[in-house]
Amino acid sequence: QVQLVESGGGLVQAGGSLRLSCAASGRTFSSCAMGWFRQAPGKEREFVAAISWTGASTYYADSVKGRFTISRDNAKNTVYLQMNTLKPEDTAVYYCAARHNPPAAYHTNWYWYDYWGQGTQVTVSS
């Protein structure tokens, strides 16, 4: 079992920054690939970023590449999403996801992941 709790969301003006955190409990965090997804009202959940269990590999959706950075600190059982140059279209609920003992470094499909946090709201105003 892996429990995930997101934090760091809030209201920010376009061009601003936020850092999301995902705190994990359990003994298996270090063997989990981690991902961030987001879901805006009326839209499907979409991939944002992912990081391998070692942290050696990262992957980003084209829409956030160059603006967002995913990282992890296995000693703290935490994964982060640094969000810079935020745009109104970034407004969504952001979810942290984990895949235990992943067969691959990451996946962009939400159903590939085993565990999910409750989400944290990010609102970017114009």
C-alpha atoms as a PDB file:
ATOM      1  CA  GLN A   1       0.000   0.000   0.000  1.00  0.00           C
ATOM      2  CA  VAL A   2       1.083   3.515  -0.812  1.00  0.00           C
ATOM      3  CA  GLN A   3      -0.796   6.547   0.426  1.00  0.00           C
ATOM      4  CA  LEU A   4      -0.236   9.813  -1.400  1.00  0.00           C
ATOM      5  CA  VAL A   5      -1.143  13.303  -0.230  1.00  0.00           C
ATOM      6  CA  GLU A   6      -0.729  16.319  -2.487  1.00  0.00           C
ATOM      7  CA  SER A   7      -0.208  19.844  -1.264  1.00  0.00           C
ATOM      8  CA  GLY A   8       0.924  23.209  -2.544  1.00  0.00           C
ATOM      9  CA  GLY A   9      -1.949  24.107  -4.798  1.00  0.00           C
ATOM     10  CA  GLY A  10      -3.564  27.493  -4.767  1.00  0.00           C
ATOM     11  CA  LEU A  11      -4.454  30.587  -6.721  1.00  0.00           C
ATOM     12  CA  VAL A  12      -1.784  32.302  -8.764  1.00  0.00           C
ATOM     13  CA  GLN A  13      -1.712  34.868 -11.527  1.00  0.00           C
ATOM     14  CA  ALA A  14      -0.595  33.965 -15.010  1.00  0.00           C
ATOM     15  CA  GLY A  15       3.161  33.911 -15.199  1.00  0.00           C
ATOM     16  CA  GLY A  16       3.524  32.951 -11.567  1.00  0.00           C
ATOM     17  CA  SER A  17       4.867  29.807  -9.973  1.00  0.00           C
ATOM     18  CA  LEU A  18       3.780  27.088  -7.597  1.00  0.00           C
ATOM     19  CA  ARG A  19       5.463  24.017  -6.233  1.00  0.00           C
ATOM     20  CA  LEU A  20       3.343  20.981  -5.610  1.00  0.00           C
ATOM     21  CA  SER A  21       4.407  18.289  -3.197  1.00  0.00           C
ATOM     22  CA  CYS A  22       3.282  14.710  -2.946  1.00  0.00           C
ATOM     23  CA  ALA A  23       4.068  13.032   0.340  1.00  0.00           C
ATOM     24  CA  ALA A  24       3.988   9.254   0.337  1.00  0.00           C
ATOM     25  CA  SER A  25       3.602   6.832   3.186  1.00  0.00           C
ATOM     26  CA  GLY A  26       4.585   3.206   3.091  1.00  0.00           C
ATOM     27  CA  ARG A  27       7.768   1.296   2.518  1.00  0.00           C
ATOM     28  CA  THR A  28       7.572   1.023  -1.242  1.00  0.00           C
ATOM     29  CA  PHE A  29       7.973   4.625  -2.361  1.00  0.00           C
ATOM     30  CA  SER A  30      11.533   4.172  -3.557  1.00  0.00           C
ATOM     31  CA  SER A  31      10.428   1.384  -5.889  1.00  0.00           C
ATOM     32  CA  CYS A  32       7.602   3.404  -7.435  1.00  0.00           C
ATOM     33  CA  ALA A  33       7.544   5.332 -10.623  1.00  0.00           C
ATOM     34  CA  MET A  34       5.767   8.601  -9.936  1.00  0.00           C
ATOM     35  CA  GLY A  35       3.594  10.755 -12.099  1.00  0.00           C
ATOM     36  CA  TRP A  36       1.574  13.930 -12.036  1.00  0.00           C
ATOM     37  CA  PHE A  37      -1.759  14.191 -13.789  1.00  0.00           C
ATOM     38  CA  ARG A  38      -4.319  16.943 -13.937  1.00  0.00           C
ATOM     39  CA  GLN A  39      -7.997  17.195 -14.629  1.00  0.00           C
ATOM     40  CA  ALA A  40      -9.942  20.308 -15.465  1.00  0.00           C
ATOM     41  CA  PRO A  41     -13.726  20.451 -15.060  1.00  0.00           C
ATOM     42  CA  GLY A  42     -15.467  18.627 -17.877  1.00  0.00           C
ATOM     43  CA  LYS A  43     -12.219  17.269 -19.267  1.00  0.00           C
ATOM     44  CA  GLU A  44     -10.429  13.964 -19.077  1.00  0.00           C
ATOM     45  CA  ARG A  45      -7.491  13.394 -16.815  1.00  0.00           C
ATOM     46  CA  GLU A  46      -4.289  14.175 -18.663  1.00  0.00           C
ATOM     47  CA  PHE A  47      -0.659  13.356 -18.154  1.00  0.00           C
ATOM     48  CA  VAL A  48       1.604  16.135 -16.938  1.00  0.00           C
ATOM     49  CA  ALA A  49       4.943  14.666 -15.906  1.00  0.00           C
ATOM     50  CA  ALA A  50       6.567  11.479 -14.664  1.00  0.00           C
ATOM     51  CA  ILE A  51       9.783  10.386 -13.013  1.00  0.00           C
ATOM     52  CA  SER A  52      11.350   6.964 -12.760  1.00  0.00           C
ATOM     53  CA  TRP A  53      11.856   5.215  -9.445  1.00  0.00           C
ATOM     54  CA  THR A  54      15.521   6.175  -9.405  1.00  0.00           C
ATOM     55  CA  GLY A  55      14.831   9.728 -10.477  1.00  0.00           C
ATOM     56  CA  ALA A  56      17.194   9.293 -13.390  1.00  0.00           C
ATOM     57  CA  SER A  57      14.544   9.729 -16.062  1.00  0.00           C
ATOM     58  CA  THR A  58      11.827  12.312 -16.444  1.00  0.00           C
ATOM     59  CA  TYR A  59       9.136  12.886 -19.005  1.00  0.00           C
ATOM     60  CA  TYR A  60       6.821  15.807 -19.671  1.00  0.00           C
ATOM     61  CA  ALA A  61       3.750  16.545 -21.663  1.00  0.00           C
ATOM     62  CA  ASP A  62       4.436  18.951 -24.494  1.00  0.00           C
ATOM     63  CA  SER A  63       2.096  21.481 -22.934  1.00  0.00           C
ATOM     64  CA  VAL A  64       4.294  21.869 -19.854  1.00  0.00           C
ATOM     65  CA  LYS A  65       7.747  21.080 -21.190  1.00  0.00           C
ATOM     66  CA  GLY A  66      10.180  23.819 -20.323  1.00  0.00           C
ATOM     67  CA  ARG A  67       7.890  25.239 -17.646  1.00  0.00           C
ATOM     68  CA  PHE A  68       7.394  22.375 -15.192  1.00  0.00           C
ATOM     69  CA  THR A  69       9.996  20.268 -13.453  1.00  0.00           C
ATOM     70  CA  ILE A  70       9.352  16.995 -11.677  1.00  0.00           C
ATOM     71  CA  SER A  71      11.743  15.747  -9.034  1.00  0.00           C
ATOM     72  CA  ARG A  72      11.788  13.325  -6.148  1.00  0.00           C
ATOM     73  CA  ASP A  73      13.500  12.906  -2.835  1.00  0.00           C
ATOM     74  CA  ASN A  74      13.290   9.270  -1.879  1.00  0.00           C
ATOM     75  CA  ALA A  75      14.779   9.957   1.540  1.00  0.00           C
ATOM     76  CA  LYS A  76      11.776  12.190   2.248  1.00  0.00           C
ATOM     77  CA  ASN A  77       9.277   9.998   0.403  1.00  0.00           C
ATOM     78  CA  THR A  78       8.245  13.033  -1.586  1.00  0.00           C
ATOM     79  CA  VAL A  79       7.831  13.949  -5.224  1.00  0.00           C
ATOM     80  CA  TYR A  80       7.606  17.538  -6.383  1.00  0.00           C
ATOM     81  CA  LEU A  81       6.256  19.424  -9.329  1.00  0.00           C
ATOM     82  CA  GLN A  82       7.748  22.860  -9.794  1.00  0.00           C
ATOM     83  CA  MET A  83       5.382  24.851 -11.969  1.00  0.00           C
ATOM     84  CA  ASN A  84       6.707  28.029 -13.551  1.00  0.00           C
ATOM     85  CA  THR A  85       5.256  30.468 -16.046  1.00  0.00           C
ATOM     86  CA  LEU A  86       1.788  29.250 -15.253  1.00  0.00           C
ATOM     87  CA  LYS A  87      -0.992  29.796 -17.745  1.00  0.00           C
ATOM     88  CA  PRO A  88      -4.758  29.886 -17.263  1.00  0.00           C
ATOM     89  CA  GLU A  89      -5.001  26.608 -19.155  1.00  0.00           C
ATOM     90  CA  ASP A  90      -2.954  25.003 -16.384  1.00  0.00           C
ATOM     91  CA  THR A  91      -5.951  25.389 -14.094  1.00  0.00           C
ATOM     92  CA  ALA A  92      -6.959  21.943 -12.894  1.00  0.00           C
ATOM     93  CA  VAL A  93      -6.920  19.548 -10.007  1.00  0.00           C
ATOM     94  CA  TYR A  94      -3.465  18.024  -9.910  1.00  0.00           C
ATOM     95  CA  TYR A  95      -3.069  14.420  -8.848  1.00  0.00           C
ATOM     96  CA  CYS A  96      -0.017  12.518  -7.772  1.00  0.00           C
ATOM     97  CA  ALA A  97       0.177   8.898  -8.890  1.00  0.00           C
ATOM     98  CA  ALA A  98       2.464   5.960  -8.154  1.00  0.00           C
ATOM     99  CA  ARG A  99       3.190   2.673  -9.870  1.00  0.00           C
ATOM    100  CA  HIS A 100       4.806   0.075  -7.650  1.00  0.00           C
ATOM    101  CA  ASN A 101       7.464  -2.149  -9.221  1.00  0.00           C
ATOM    102  CA  PRO A 102       6.888  -0.599 -12.626  1.00  0.00           C
ATOM    103  CA  PRO A 103       7.613  -2.623 -15.756  1.00  0.00           C
ATOM    104  CA  ALA A 104       8.687   0.603 -17.408  1.00  0.00           C
ATOM    105  CA  ALA A 105      10.126   3.904 -16.292  1.00  0.00           C
ATOM    106  CA  TYR A 106       6.827   5.737 -16.694  1.00  0.00           C
ATOM    107  CA  HIS A 107       3.563   5.788 -18.562  1.00  0.00           C
ATOM    108  CA  THR A 108       1.340   8.579 -19.787  1.00  0.00           C
ATOM    109  CA  ASN A 109      -1.905   6.679 -19.247  1.00  0.00           C
ATOM    110  CA  TRP A 110      -3.587   7.209 -15.917  1.00  0.00           C
ATOM    111  CA  TYR A 111      -4.732   3.594 -15.595  1.00  0.00           C
ATOM    112  CA  TRP A 112      -1.144   2.359 -15.526  1.00  0.00           C
ATOM    113  CA  TYR A 113      -0.688   3.731 -12.008  1.00  0.00           C
ATOM    114  CA  ASP A 114      -1.630   1.840  -8.866  1.00  0.00           C
ATOM    115  CA  TYR A 115      -2.081   4.592  -6.310  1.00  0.00           C
ATOM    116  CA  TRP A 116      -3.493   8.093  -6.335  1.00  0.00           C
ATOM    117  CA  GLY A 117      -3.644  11.069  -4.082  1.00  0.00           C
ATOM    118  CA  GLN A 118      -6.734  13.148  -3.415  1.00  0.00           C
ATOM    119  CA  GLY A 119      -5.623  15.995  -5.626  1.00  0.00           C
ATOM    120  CA  THR A 120      -4.798  19.634  -5.071  1.00  0.00           C
ATOM    121  CA  GLN A 121      -6.450  22.530  -6.857  1.00  0.00           C
ATOM    122  CA  VAL A 122      -4.356  24.847  -8.990  1.00  0.00           C
ATOM    123  CA  THR A 123      -6.075  27.939 -10.316  1.00  0.00           C
ATOM    124  CA  VAL A 124      -4.298  30.353 -12.628  1.00  0.00           C
ATOM    125  CA  SER A 125      -6.011  33.660 -13.191  1.00  0.00           C
ATOM    126  CA  SER A 126      -5.666  35.897 -16.221  1.00  0.00           C
END
